């Protein structure tokens, strides 16, 4: 399962979540998911999933209450979950949906993708972090990261490490080695986009 860490605080600790104010109810989050399905990027990714032969049904993306400090995740054969209790605004829901759709696309196009393999997991996280807009300058600034040059790659690396370390099959050392081994190939793989959005 590919999981997305909960929204980060300025400290970079990743332990912050909007659950302090309760986040959204499952019903409110489901409405936000419906709005997200109408955005151009989500429509584009869903269309390419279908073209790759993977059906994205009505219940493929659903809001749930999460106990873990994550904002969402993708599970092969089940779909995408968005953690309603860690969402506060529409933009967060859109980001989780886009990020997880990239994982779903990777899973669909690579017949042998193994989420227990640290390199496979790292590659999909690199792609999702780079292509989803998770690391746009504005988002990094709001998280309290103010580095001007190289912020996007630093952000992707930080978020890849956080996700891959959460994989029970990957130690911190294995996650770092895997990320470094696949970085160039996976960072430069922009499918289904012509170039990074």
N, C-alpha and C. Protein backbone atom coordinates (compact mmCIF):
# COMPACT_ATOMS: atom_id res chain seq x y z
N UNK A 1 0.84 -1.19 0.00
CA UNK A 1 0.00 0.00 0.00
C UNK A 1 0.87 1.24 0.00
N UNK A 2 0.58 2.17 -0.84
CA UNK A 2 1.28 3.43 -0.86
C UNK A 2 0.49 4.41 0.00
N UNK A 3 1.14 4.96 0.98
CA UNK A 3 0.45 5.88 1.88
C UNK A 3 1.07 7.25 1.79
N UNK A 4 0.25 8.25 1.92
CA UNK A 4 0.70 9.63 1.89
C UNK A 4 0.71 10.17 3.32
N UNK A 5 1.87 10.68 3.79
CA UNK A 5 1.91 11.24 5.14
C UNK A 5 0.90 12.37 5.31
N UNK A 6 0.43 12.56 6.53
CA UNK A 6 -0.50 13.65 6.81
C UNK A 6 0.19 14.97 6.51
N UNK A 7 -0.60 16.04 6.27
CA UNK A 7 -0.01 17.35 5.98
C UNK A 7 1.05 17.72 7.03
N UNK A 8 2.13 18.33 6.56
CA UNK A 8 3.26 18.63 7.43
C UNK A 8 3.12 19.99 8.10
N UNK A 9 3.71 20.10 9.27
CA UNK A 9 3.80 21.40 9.94
C UNK A 9 5.10 22.05 9.51
N UNK A 10 5.29 23.27 9.89
CA UNK A 10 6.50 24.00 9.55
C UNK A 10 7.75 23.38 10.13
N UNK A 11 7.64 22.60 11.17
CA UNK A 11 8.82 21.99 11.78
C UNK A 11 9.39 20.89 10.90
N UNK A 12 8.60 20.42 9.94
CA UNK A 12 9.06 19.35 9.07
C UNK A 12 8.94 17.99 9.74
N UNK A 13 8.33 17.95 10.90
CA UNK A 13 8.23 16.68 11.63
C UNK A 13 7.21 15.74 11.02
N UNK A 14 6.22 16.30 10.34
CA UNK A 14 5.20 15.46 9.73
C UNK A 14 4.17 14.97 10.71
N UNK A 15 4.27 15.37 11.98
CA UNK A 15 3.32 14.85 12.97
C UNK A 15 2.05 15.70 13.04
N UNK A 16 2.04 16.84 12.40
CA UNK A 16 0.88 17.72 12.42
C UNK A 16 -0.23 17.17 11.54
N UNK A 17 -1.43 17.30 11.97
CA UNK A 17 -2.56 17.02 11.08
C UNK A 17 -3.70 17.93 11.47
N UNK A 18 -4.60 18.14 10.55
CA UNK A 18 -5.73 19.01 10.84
C UNK A 18 -6.72 18.34 11.77
N UNK A 19 -6.40 17.13 12.21
CA UNK A 19 -7.29 16.43 13.13
C UNK A 19 -7.41 17.17 14.46
N UNK A 20 -6.49 18.12 14.70
CA UNK A 20 -6.59 18.90 15.93
C UNK A 20 -7.91 19.66 15.95
N UNK A 21 -8.38 20.05 14.77
CA UNK A 21 -9.69 20.71 14.72
C UNK A 21 -10.74 19.74 14.18
N UNK A 22 -10.41 18.46 14.19
CA UNK A 22 -11.38 17.44 13.79
C UNK A 22 -11.39 17.10 12.33
N UNK A 23 -10.71 17.88 11.49
CA UNK A 23 -10.74 17.60 10.06
C UNK A 23 -12.16 17.70 9.53
N UNK A 24 -12.46 16.89 8.54
CA UNK A 24 -13.78 16.86 7.91
C UNK A 24 -14.48 15.55 8.25
N UNK A 25 -15.80 15.59 8.18
CA UNK A 25 -16.55 14.34 8.35
C UNK A 25 -16.38 13.53 7.06
N UNK A 26 -16.70 12.26 7.12
CA UNK A 26 -16.59 11.41 5.93
C UNK A 26 -17.49 11.96 4.82
N UNK A 27 -18.69 12.41 5.17
CA UNK A 27 -19.62 12.95 4.17
C UNK A 27 -19.07 14.22 3.53
N UNK A 28 -18.51 15.14 4.35
CA UNK A 28 -17.93 16.38 3.81
C UNK A 28 -16.76 16.04 2.88
N UNK A 29 -15.94 15.10 3.29
CA UNK A 29 -14.78 14.72 2.49
C UNK A 29 -15.22 14.05 1.19
N UNK A 30 -16.27 13.24 1.25
CA UNK A 30 -16.78 12.59 0.03
C UNK A 30 -17.25 13.66 -0.97
N UNK A 31 -17.87 14.73 -0.48
CA UNK A 31 -18.26 15.85 -1.35
C UNK A 31 -17.03 16.52 -1.96
N UNK A 32 -15.98 16.67 -1.15
CA UNK A 32 -14.74 17.27 -1.65
C UNK A 32 -14.09 16.37 -2.71
N UNK A 33 -14.18 15.06 -2.52
CA UNK A 33 -13.66 14.12 -3.52
C UNK A 33 -14.44 14.29 -4.82
N UNK A 34 -15.76 14.41 -4.73
CA UNK A 34 -16.58 14.62 -5.94
C UNK A 34 -16.16 15.88 -6.67
N UNK A 35 -15.87 16.96 -5.92
CA UNK A 35 -15.40 18.20 -6.56
C UNK A 35 -14.04 17.97 -7.21
N UNK A 36 -13.20 17.22 -6.54
CA UNK A 36 -11.86 16.93 -7.06
C UNK A 36 -11.93 16.16 -8.39
N UNK A 37 -12.91 15.28 -8.52
CA UNK A 37 -13.07 14.49 -9.75
C UNK A 37 -13.35 15.36 -10.98
N UNK A 38 -13.77 16.60 -10.74
CA UNK A 38 -14.07 17.52 -11.86
C UNK A 38 -12.86 18.38 -12.25
N UNK A 39 -11.74 18.26 -11.52
CA UNK A 39 -10.57 19.08 -11.84
C UNK A 39 -9.84 18.49 -13.06
N UNK A 40 -9.23 19.34 -13.88
CA UNK A 40 -8.57 18.86 -15.11
C UNK A 40 -7.51 17.78 -14.86
N UNK A 41 -6.68 17.94 -13.84
CA UNK A 41 -5.60 16.97 -13.57
C UNK A 41 -6.18 15.60 -13.19
N UNK A 42 -7.20 15.59 -12.35
CA UNK A 42 -7.81 14.31 -11.93
C UNK A 42 -8.49 13.65 -13.12
N UNK A 43 -9.20 14.44 -13.92
CA UNK A 43 -9.85 13.89 -15.13
C UNK A 43 -8.80 13.27 -16.06
N UNK A 44 -7.69 13.97 -16.25
CA UNK A 44 -6.60 13.50 -17.12
C UNK A 44 -6.05 12.16 -16.61
N UNK A 45 -5.78 12.08 -15.31
CA UNK A 45 -5.20 10.85 -14.75
C UNK A 45 -6.19 9.68 -14.83
N UNK A 46 -7.46 9.94 -14.56
CA UNK A 46 -8.47 8.88 -14.63
C UNK A 46 -8.59 8.37 -16.07
N UNK A 47 -8.57 9.29 -17.02
CA UNK A 47 -8.65 8.94 -18.44
C UNK A 47 -7.47 8.03 -18.82
N UNK A 48 -6.27 8.37 -18.35
CA UNK A 48 -5.08 7.57 -18.68
C UNK A 48 -5.06 6.23 -17.96
N UNK A 49 -5.64 6.16 -16.81
CA UNK A 49 -5.79 4.87 -16.12
C UNK A 49 -6.67 3.95 -16.96
N UNK A 50 -7.78 4.50 -17.46
CA UNK A 50 -8.70 3.72 -18.29
C UNK A 50 -7.99 3.28 -19.58
N UNK A 51 -7.23 4.21 -20.20
CA UNK A 51 -6.50 3.87 -21.43
C UNK A 51 -5.48 2.77 -21.19
N UNK A 52 -4.93 2.74 -19.97
CA UNK A 52 -3.94 1.71 -19.62
C UNK A 52 -4.62 0.39 -19.25
N UNK A 53 -5.96 0.38 -19.30
CA UNK A 53 -6.69 -0.85 -19.06
C UNK A 53 -7.19 -1.05 -17.64
N UNK A 54 -7.11 -0.01 -16.83
CA UNK A 54 -7.58 -0.12 -15.43
C UNK A 54 -8.86 0.67 -15.23
N UNK A 55 -9.89 -0.03 -14.84
CA UNK A 55 -11.20 0.59 -14.64
C UNK A 55 -11.22 1.31 -13.30
N UNK A 56 -11.66 2.55 -13.34
CA UNK A 56 -11.80 3.35 -12.13
C UNK A 56 -13.29 3.53 -11.90
N UNK A 57 -13.86 2.66 -11.08
CA UNK A 57 -15.29 2.69 -10.82
C UNK A 57 -15.71 3.82 -9.91
N UNK A 58 -17.02 3.88 -9.65
CA UNK A 58 -17.60 4.93 -8.81
C UNK A 58 -17.00 4.97 -7.41
N UNK A 59 -16.73 3.82 -6.82
CA UNK A 59 -16.24 3.78 -5.45
C UNK A 59 -14.72 3.61 -5.35
N UNK A 60 -14.01 3.92 -6.42
CA UNK A 60 -12.56 3.74 -6.44
C UNK A 60 -11.87 4.68 -5.44
N UNK A 61 -12.44 5.88 -5.26
CA UNK A 61 -11.86 6.86 -4.32
C UNK A 61 -12.89 7.12 -3.24
N UNK A 62 -12.52 6.82 -1.99
CA UNK A 62 -13.50 7.03 -0.92
C UNK A 62 -12.89 7.69 0.31
N UNK A 63 -13.73 8.40 1.02
CA UNK A 63 -13.33 9.05 2.26
C UNK A 63 -13.46 8.06 3.40
N UNK A 64 -12.47 8.05 4.28
CA UNK A 64 -12.50 7.19 5.46
C UNK A 64 -11.91 7.96 6.64
N UNK A 65 -12.15 7.45 7.85
CA UNK A 65 -11.51 7.99 9.05
C UNK A 65 -10.23 7.18 9.25
N UNK A 66 -9.08 7.86 9.41
CA UNK A 66 -7.81 7.17 9.56
C UNK A 66 -7.24 7.35 10.96
N UNK A 67 -6.76 6.25 11.52
CA UNK A 67 -6.11 6.31 12.83
C UNK A 67 -4.64 6.71 12.69
N UNK A 68 -4.02 6.30 11.57
CA UNK A 68 -2.61 6.64 11.33
C UNK A 68 -2.48 8.10 10.93
N UNK A 69 -1.26 8.63 11.08
CA UNK A 69 -0.96 10.01 10.65
C UNK A 69 -0.68 10.04 9.15
N UNK A 70 -1.67 9.72 8.36
CA UNK A 70 -1.53 9.77 6.91
C UNK A 70 -2.72 10.54 6.36
N UNK A 71 -2.56 11.08 5.15
CA UNK A 71 -3.68 11.81 4.56
C UNK A 71 -4.43 10.96 3.54
N UNK A 72 -3.84 9.83 3.16
CA UNK A 72 -4.53 8.95 2.22
C UNK A 72 -3.62 7.82 1.80
N UNK A 73 -4.15 6.98 0.92
CA UNK A 73 -3.35 5.87 0.45
C UNK A 73 -4.01 5.17 -0.72
N UNK A 74 -3.21 4.34 -1.39
CA UNK A 74 -3.70 3.53 -2.49
C UNK A 74 -3.47 2.06 -2.12
N UNK A 75 -4.48 1.24 -2.32
CA UNK A 75 -4.36 -0.19 -2.07
C UNK A 75 -4.75 -0.94 -3.34
N UNK A 76 -3.83 -1.77 -3.84
CA UNK A 76 -4.08 -2.55 -5.05
C UNK A 76 -5.38 -3.35 -4.89
N UNK A 77 -6.23 -3.28 -5.90
CA UNK A 77 -7.47 -4.06 -5.90
C UNK A 77 -8.60 -3.42 -5.11
N UNK A 78 -8.27 -2.38 -4.33
CA UNK A 78 -9.31 -1.72 -3.53
C UNK A 78 -9.53 -0.28 -3.94
N UNK A 79 -8.46 0.43 -4.27
CA UNK A 79 -8.59 1.81 -4.70
C UNK A 79 -7.89 2.78 -3.77
N UNK A 80 -8.43 3.99 -3.74
CA UNK A 80 -7.81 5.10 -3.02
C UNK A 80 -8.66 5.49 -1.83
N UNK A 81 -8.01 5.74 -0.71
CA UNK A 81 -8.72 6.30 0.45
C UNK A 81 -8.16 7.69 0.73
N UNK A 82 -9.05 8.58 1.14
CA UNK A 82 -8.68 9.93 1.57
C UNK A 82 -9.09 10.02 3.04
N UNK A 83 -8.16 10.39 3.89
CA UNK A 83 -8.43 10.43 5.34
C UNK A 83 -9.17 11.72 5.70
N UNK A 84 -10.47 11.61 5.85
CA UNK A 84 -11.31 12.79 6.09
C UNK A 84 -10.87 13.56 7.33
N UNK A 85 -10.46 12.86 8.37
CA UNK A 85 -10.10 13.53 9.61
C UNK A 85 -8.76 14.27 9.54
N UNK A 86 -8.04 14.13 8.42
CA UNK A 86 -6.79 14.86 8.22
C UNK A 86 -6.91 15.90 7.11
N UNK A 87 -8.12 16.13 6.63
CA UNK A 87 -8.35 17.10 5.55
C UNK A 87 -9.05 18.34 6.13
N UNK A 88 -8.62 19.50 5.64
CA UNK A 88 -9.34 20.70 6.08
C UNK A 88 -9.80 21.56 4.90
N UNK A 89 -9.07 21.51 3.78
CA UNK A 89 -9.45 22.33 2.62
C UNK A 89 -9.46 21.49 1.34
N UNK A 90 -10.15 22.01 0.33
CA UNK A 90 -10.29 21.32 -0.96
C UNK A 90 -8.94 21.00 -1.59
N UNK A 91 -8.00 21.92 -1.51
CA UNK A 91 -6.69 21.72 -2.13
C UNK A 91 -5.99 20.48 -1.57
N UNK A 92 -6.15 20.21 -0.27
CA UNK A 92 -5.53 19.02 0.32
C UNK A 92 -6.14 17.75 -0.27
N UNK A 93 -7.45 17.75 -0.41
CA UNK A 93 -8.13 16.58 -0.99
C UNK A 93 -7.67 16.38 -2.43
N UNK A 94 -7.63 17.46 -3.21
CA UNK A 94 -7.18 17.37 -4.60
C UNK A 94 -5.77 16.77 -4.67
N UNK A 95 -4.87 17.24 -3.80
CA UNK A 95 -3.49 16.75 -3.81
C UNK A 95 -3.41 15.28 -3.49
N UNK A 96 -4.15 14.83 -2.49
CA UNK A 96 -4.13 13.41 -2.12
C UNK A 96 -4.66 12.57 -3.29
N UNK A 97 -5.77 13.00 -3.89
CA UNK A 97 -6.37 12.25 -5.00
C UNK A 97 -5.38 12.16 -6.17
N UNK A 98 -4.75 13.27 -6.52
CA UNK A 98 -3.79 13.28 -7.64
C UNK A 98 -2.59 12.37 -7.32
N UNK A 99 -2.03 12.53 -6.14
CA UNK A 99 -0.87 11.73 -5.72
C UNK A 99 -1.19 10.24 -5.78
N UNK A 100 -2.32 9.86 -5.23
CA UNK A 100 -2.69 8.44 -5.19
C UNK A 100 -3.08 7.90 -6.56
N UNK A 101 -3.64 8.75 -7.43
CA UNK A 101 -3.95 8.32 -8.80
C UNK A 101 -2.66 8.00 -9.56
N UNK A 102 -1.58 8.71 -9.25
CA UNK A 102 -0.30 8.42 -9.90
C UNK A 102 0.19 7.04 -9.44
N UNK A 103 0.02 6.72 -8.15
CA UNK A 103 0.36 5.37 -7.67
C UNK A 103 -0.50 4.32 -8.39
N UNK A 104 -1.79 4.60 -8.52
CA UNK A 104 -2.70 3.66 -9.19
C UNK A 104 -2.27 3.48 -10.64
N UNK A 105 -1.87 4.55 -11.30
CA UNK A 105 -1.40 4.49 -12.69
C UNK A 105 -0.14 3.62 -12.78
N UNK A 106 0.81 3.85 -11.86
CA UNK A 106 2.04 3.05 -11.85
C UNK A 106 1.71 1.58 -11.66
N UNK A 107 0.80 1.30 -10.73
CA UNK A 107 0.41 -0.08 -10.44
C UNK A 107 -0.23 -0.72 -11.67
N UNK A 108 -1.01 0.07 -12.39
CA UNK A 108 -1.72 -0.41 -13.57
C UNK A 108 -0.75 -0.71 -14.72
N UNK A 109 0.18 0.19 -14.97
CA UNK A 109 1.05 0.04 -16.16
C UNK A 109 2.20 -0.92 -15.94
N UNK A 110 2.57 -1.18 -14.68
CA UNK A 110 3.69 -2.09 -14.41
C UNK A 110 3.14 -3.39 -13.84
N UNK A 111 3.06 -4.39 -14.66
CA UNK A 111 2.46 -5.67 -14.26
C UNK A 111 3.16 -6.29 -13.05
N UNK A 112 4.45 -5.99 -12.87
CA UNK A 112 5.20 -6.65 -11.80
C UNK A 112 5.55 -5.71 -10.65
N UNK A 113 4.82 -4.61 -10.49
CA UNK A 113 5.11 -3.68 -9.41
C UNK A 113 4.87 -4.38 -8.07
N UNK A 114 5.87 -4.35 -7.21
CA UNK A 114 5.80 -5.01 -5.90
C UNK A 114 5.98 -3.96 -4.81
N UNK A 115 4.89 -3.63 -4.11
CA UNK A 115 4.93 -2.58 -3.09
C UNK A 115 5.83 -2.97 -1.91
N UNK A 116 6.16 -4.25 -1.76
CA UNK A 116 7.05 -4.68 -0.69
C UNK A 116 8.52 -4.48 -1.09
N UNK A 117 8.76 -4.21 -2.38
CA UNK A 117 10.10 -3.94 -2.89
C UNK A 117 10.39 -2.45 -2.69
N UNK A 118 11.40 -2.13 -1.90
CA UNK A 118 11.69 -0.73 -1.55
C UNK A 118 11.97 0.13 -2.78
N UNK A 119 12.66 -0.43 -3.78
CA UNK A 119 12.97 0.34 -4.99
C UNK A 119 11.70 0.63 -5.79
N UNK A 120 10.80 -0.35 -5.90
CA UNK A 120 9.54 -0.14 -6.62
C UNK A 120 8.72 0.93 -5.91
N UNK A 121 8.61 0.81 -4.58
CA UNK A 121 7.84 1.77 -3.80
C UNK A 121 8.46 3.16 -3.93
N UNK A 122 9.78 3.26 -3.79
CA UNK A 122 10.47 4.55 -3.89
C UNK A 122 10.23 5.19 -5.25
N UNK A 123 10.28 4.38 -6.31
CA UNK A 123 10.08 4.91 -7.66
C UNK A 123 8.70 5.54 -7.80
N UNK A 124 7.68 4.84 -7.36
CA UNK A 124 6.32 5.38 -7.47
C UNK A 124 6.15 6.62 -6.61
N UNK A 125 6.80 6.64 -5.43
CA UNK A 125 6.73 7.84 -4.57
C UNK A 125 7.46 9.02 -5.20
N UNK A 126 8.60 8.76 -5.85
CA UNK A 126 9.33 9.83 -6.55
C UNK A 126 8.43 10.42 -7.63
N UNK A 127 7.83 9.54 -8.42
CA UNK A 127 6.96 10.01 -9.50
C UNK A 127 5.75 10.78 -8.95
N UNK A 128 5.12 10.23 -7.92
CA UNK A 128 3.93 10.88 -7.36
C UNK A 128 4.29 12.24 -6.75
N UNK A 129 5.41 12.30 -6.04
CA UNK A 129 5.82 13.56 -5.44
C UNK A 129 6.17 14.61 -6.49
N UNK A 130 6.85 14.18 -7.55
CA UNK A 130 7.29 15.09 -8.60
C UNK A 130 6.13 15.54 -9.49
N UNK A 131 5.24 14.63 -9.85
CA UNK A 131 4.21 14.93 -10.84
C UNK A 131 2.92 15.49 -10.26
N UNK A 132 2.69 15.30 -8.97
CA UNK A 132 1.40 15.69 -8.38
C UNK A 132 1.34 17.15 -7.98
N UNK A 133 2.47 17.80 -7.87
CA UNK A 133 2.46 19.18 -7.38
C UNK A 133 2.60 19.26 -5.87
N UNK A 134 2.81 18.11 -5.21
CA UNK A 134 2.99 18.09 -3.75
C UNK A 134 4.08 19.06 -3.32
N UNK A 135 5.08 19.24 -4.18
CA UNK A 135 6.26 19.99 -3.79
C UNK A 135 6.40 21.34 -4.49
N UNK A 136 5.31 21.88 -5.00
CA UNK A 136 5.39 23.21 -5.58
C UNK A 136 5.85 24.20 -4.51
N UNK A 137 6.54 25.23 -4.93
CA UNK A 137 7.14 26.20 -4.01
C UNK A 137 6.13 26.74 -3.00
N UNK A 138 4.94 27.07 -3.47
CA UNK A 138 3.90 27.65 -2.59
C UNK A 138 3.57 26.68 -1.45
N UNK A 139 3.42 25.40 -1.75
CA UNK A 139 3.10 24.42 -0.70
C UNK A 139 4.25 24.28 0.29
N UNK A 140 5.48 24.29 -0.24
CA UNK A 140 6.65 24.18 0.63
C UNK A 140 6.74 25.39 1.56
N UNK A 141 6.45 26.56 1.03
CA UNK A 141 6.48 27.79 1.82
C UNK A 141 5.47 27.70 2.97
N UNK A 142 4.28 27.19 2.66
CA UNK A 142 3.24 27.05 3.68
C UNK A 142 3.64 26.03 4.75
N UNK A 143 4.49 25.06 4.38
CA UNK A 143 4.98 24.08 5.36
C UNK A 143 6.14 24.62 6.18
N UNK A 144 6.64 25.80 5.80
CA UNK A 144 7.74 26.40 6.54
C UNK A 144 9.11 26.09 5.96
N UNK A 145 9.15 25.53 4.75
CA UNK A 145 10.43 25.25 4.10
C UNK A 145 10.67 26.37 3.08
N UNK A 146 11.74 27.14 3.28
CA UNK A 146 11.91 28.35 2.48
C UNK A 146 13.15 28.34 1.58
N UNK A 147 13.71 27.19 1.34
CA UNK A 147 14.88 27.10 0.46
C UNK A 147 14.47 27.54 -0.95
N UNK A 148 15.27 28.39 -1.56
CA UNK A 148 14.93 28.92 -2.89
C UNK A 148 15.33 27.94 -3.99
N UNK A 149 16.60 27.54 -4.02
CA UNK A 149 17.08 26.66 -5.09
C UNK A 149 17.00 25.20 -4.67
N UNK A 150 16.55 24.37 -5.60
CA UNK A 150 16.52 22.93 -5.34
C UNK A 150 15.45 22.48 -4.36
N UNK A 151 14.49 23.36 -4.06
CA UNK A 151 13.47 23.00 -3.06
C UNK A 151 12.62 21.82 -3.51
N UNK A 152 12.34 21.75 -4.81
CA UNK A 152 11.41 20.71 -5.29
C UNK A 152 12.01 19.31 -5.10
N UNK A 153 13.26 19.13 -5.50
CA UNK A 153 13.88 17.81 -5.34
C UNK A 153 14.09 17.46 -3.87
N UNK A 154 14.46 18.45 -3.04
CA UNK A 154 14.60 18.20 -1.60
C UNK A 154 13.27 17.75 -1.00
N UNK A 155 12.20 18.41 -1.40
CA UNK A 155 10.86 18.09 -0.91
C UNK A 155 10.47 16.68 -1.34
N UNK A 156 10.67 16.36 -2.61
CA UNK A 156 10.32 15.02 -3.10
C UNK A 156 11.11 13.98 -2.30
N UNK A 157 12.41 14.21 -2.12
CA UNK A 157 13.23 13.24 -1.38
C UNK A 157 12.74 13.08 0.06
N UNK A 158 12.42 14.18 0.71
CA UNK A 158 11.94 14.13 2.10
C UNK A 158 10.66 13.32 2.19
N UNK A 159 9.75 13.56 1.25
CA UNK A 159 8.45 12.89 1.28
C UNK A 159 8.55 11.41 0.86
N UNK A 160 9.46 11.12 -0.07
CA UNK A 160 9.70 9.73 -0.47
C UNK A 160 10.21 8.95 0.75
N UNK A 161 11.19 9.51 1.44
CA UNK A 161 11.76 8.84 2.61
C UNK A 161 10.68 8.56 3.65
N UNK A 162 9.85 9.54 3.91
CA UNK A 162 8.79 9.40 4.91
C UNK A 162 7.84 8.25 4.54
N UNK A 163 7.47 8.17 3.28
CA UNK A 163 6.54 7.12 2.83
C UNK A 163 7.20 5.75 2.82
N UNK A 164 8.41 5.66 2.28
CA UNK A 164 9.05 4.35 2.13
C UNK A 164 9.47 3.79 3.50
N UNK A 165 9.88 4.66 4.41
CA UNK A 165 10.23 4.20 5.76
C UNK A 165 8.99 3.60 6.45
N UNK A 166 7.80 4.11 6.10
CA UNK A 166 6.56 3.59 6.68
C UNK A 166 6.22 2.20 6.15
N UNK A 167 6.88 1.79 5.06
CA UNK A 167 6.67 0.46 4.49
C UNK A 167 7.35 -0.55 5.43
N UNK A 168 6.59 -1.53 5.95
CA UNK A 168 7.18 -2.48 6.90
C UNK A 168 8.34 -3.29 6.33
N UNK A 169 8.49 -3.33 5.01
CA UNK A 169 9.57 -4.08 4.38
C UNK A 169 10.84 -3.25 4.19
N UNK A 170 10.80 -1.96 4.54
CA UNK A 170 11.92 -1.08 4.24
C UNK A 170 12.44 -0.36 5.48
N UNK A 171 13.70 -0.62 5.81
CA UNK A 171 14.35 0.13 6.89
C UNK A 171 14.70 1.51 6.34
N UNK A 172 15.15 2.40 7.21
CA UNK A 172 15.56 3.73 6.76
C UNK A 172 16.72 3.63 5.77
N UNK A 173 17.69 2.77 6.08
CA UNK A 173 18.85 2.61 5.19
C UNK A 173 18.42 2.03 3.84
N UNK A 174 17.53 1.03 3.87
CA UNK A 174 17.05 0.42 2.61
C UNK A 174 16.26 1.44 1.80
N UNK A 175 15.47 2.27 2.48
CA UNK A 175 14.67 3.30 1.79
C UNK A 175 15.59 4.31 1.10
N UNK A 176 16.63 4.75 1.81
CA UNK A 176 17.57 5.73 1.26
C UNK A 176 18.32 5.13 0.07
N UNK A 177 18.82 3.90 0.22
CA UNK A 177 19.54 3.23 -0.88
C UNK A 177 18.64 3.07 -2.10
N UNK A 178 17.40 2.65 -1.86
CA UNK A 178 16.45 2.43 -2.95
C UNK A 178 16.15 3.74 -3.67
N UNK A 179 15.89 4.79 -2.89
CA UNK A 179 15.57 6.08 -3.50
C UNK A 179 16.74 6.57 -4.36
N UNK A 180 17.95 6.48 -3.83
CA UNK A 180 19.12 6.94 -4.59
C UNK A 180 19.35 6.11 -5.84
N UNK A 181 19.11 4.81 -5.75
CA UNK A 181 19.33 3.91 -6.89
C UNK A 181 18.39 4.19 -8.06
N UNK A 182 17.15 4.56 -7.76
CA UNK A 182 16.15 4.73 -8.84
C UNK A 182 15.85 6.19 -9.15
N UNK A 183 16.47 7.13 -8.44
CA UNK A 183 16.12 8.54 -8.54
C UNK A 183 16.08 9.05 -9.98
N UNK A 184 17.19 8.96 -10.71
CA UNK A 184 17.25 9.58 -12.04
C UNK A 184 16.20 9.03 -12.99
N UNK A 185 16.08 7.72 -13.06
CA UNK A 185 15.12 7.08 -13.97
C UNK A 185 13.69 7.49 -13.59
N UNK A 186 13.37 7.40 -12.32
CA UNK A 186 11.99 7.63 -11.89
C UNK A 186 11.61 9.10 -11.89
N UNK A 187 12.54 9.98 -11.52
CA UNK A 187 12.27 11.42 -11.52
C UNK A 187 12.02 11.91 -12.94
N UNK A 188 12.72 11.31 -13.89
CA UNK A 188 12.59 11.73 -15.29
C UNK A 188 11.47 11.02 -16.05
N UNK A 189 10.83 10.05 -15.41
CA UNK A 189 9.69 9.34 -16.02
C UNK A 189 8.42 10.15 -15.70
N UNK A 190 7.91 10.84 -16.71
CA UNK A 190 6.76 11.73 -16.47
C UNK A 190 5.44 11.16 -17.00
N UNK A 191 5.42 9.90 -17.43
CA UNK A 191 4.18 9.30 -17.94
C UNK A 191 3.07 9.38 -16.88
N UNK A 192 1.83 9.66 -17.21
CA UNK A 192 1.28 9.81 -18.55
C UNK A 192 1.40 11.23 -19.11
N UNK A 193 2.13 12.11 -18.42
CA UNK A 193 2.31 13.49 -18.89
C UNK A 193 3.46 13.53 -19.89
N UNK A 194 3.42 14.52 -20.80
CA UNK A 194 4.53 14.72 -21.73
C UNK A 194 5.74 15.23 -20.96
N UNK A 195 5.49 16.08 -19.97
CA UNK A 195 6.55 16.60 -19.10
C UNK A 195 5.93 16.86 -17.74
N UNK A 196 6.75 17.09 -16.74
CA UNK A 196 6.23 17.31 -15.38
C UNK A 196 5.29 18.53 -15.39
N UNK A 197 4.09 18.38 -14.83
CA UNK A 197 3.14 19.51 -14.81
C UNK A 197 3.63 20.67 -13.98
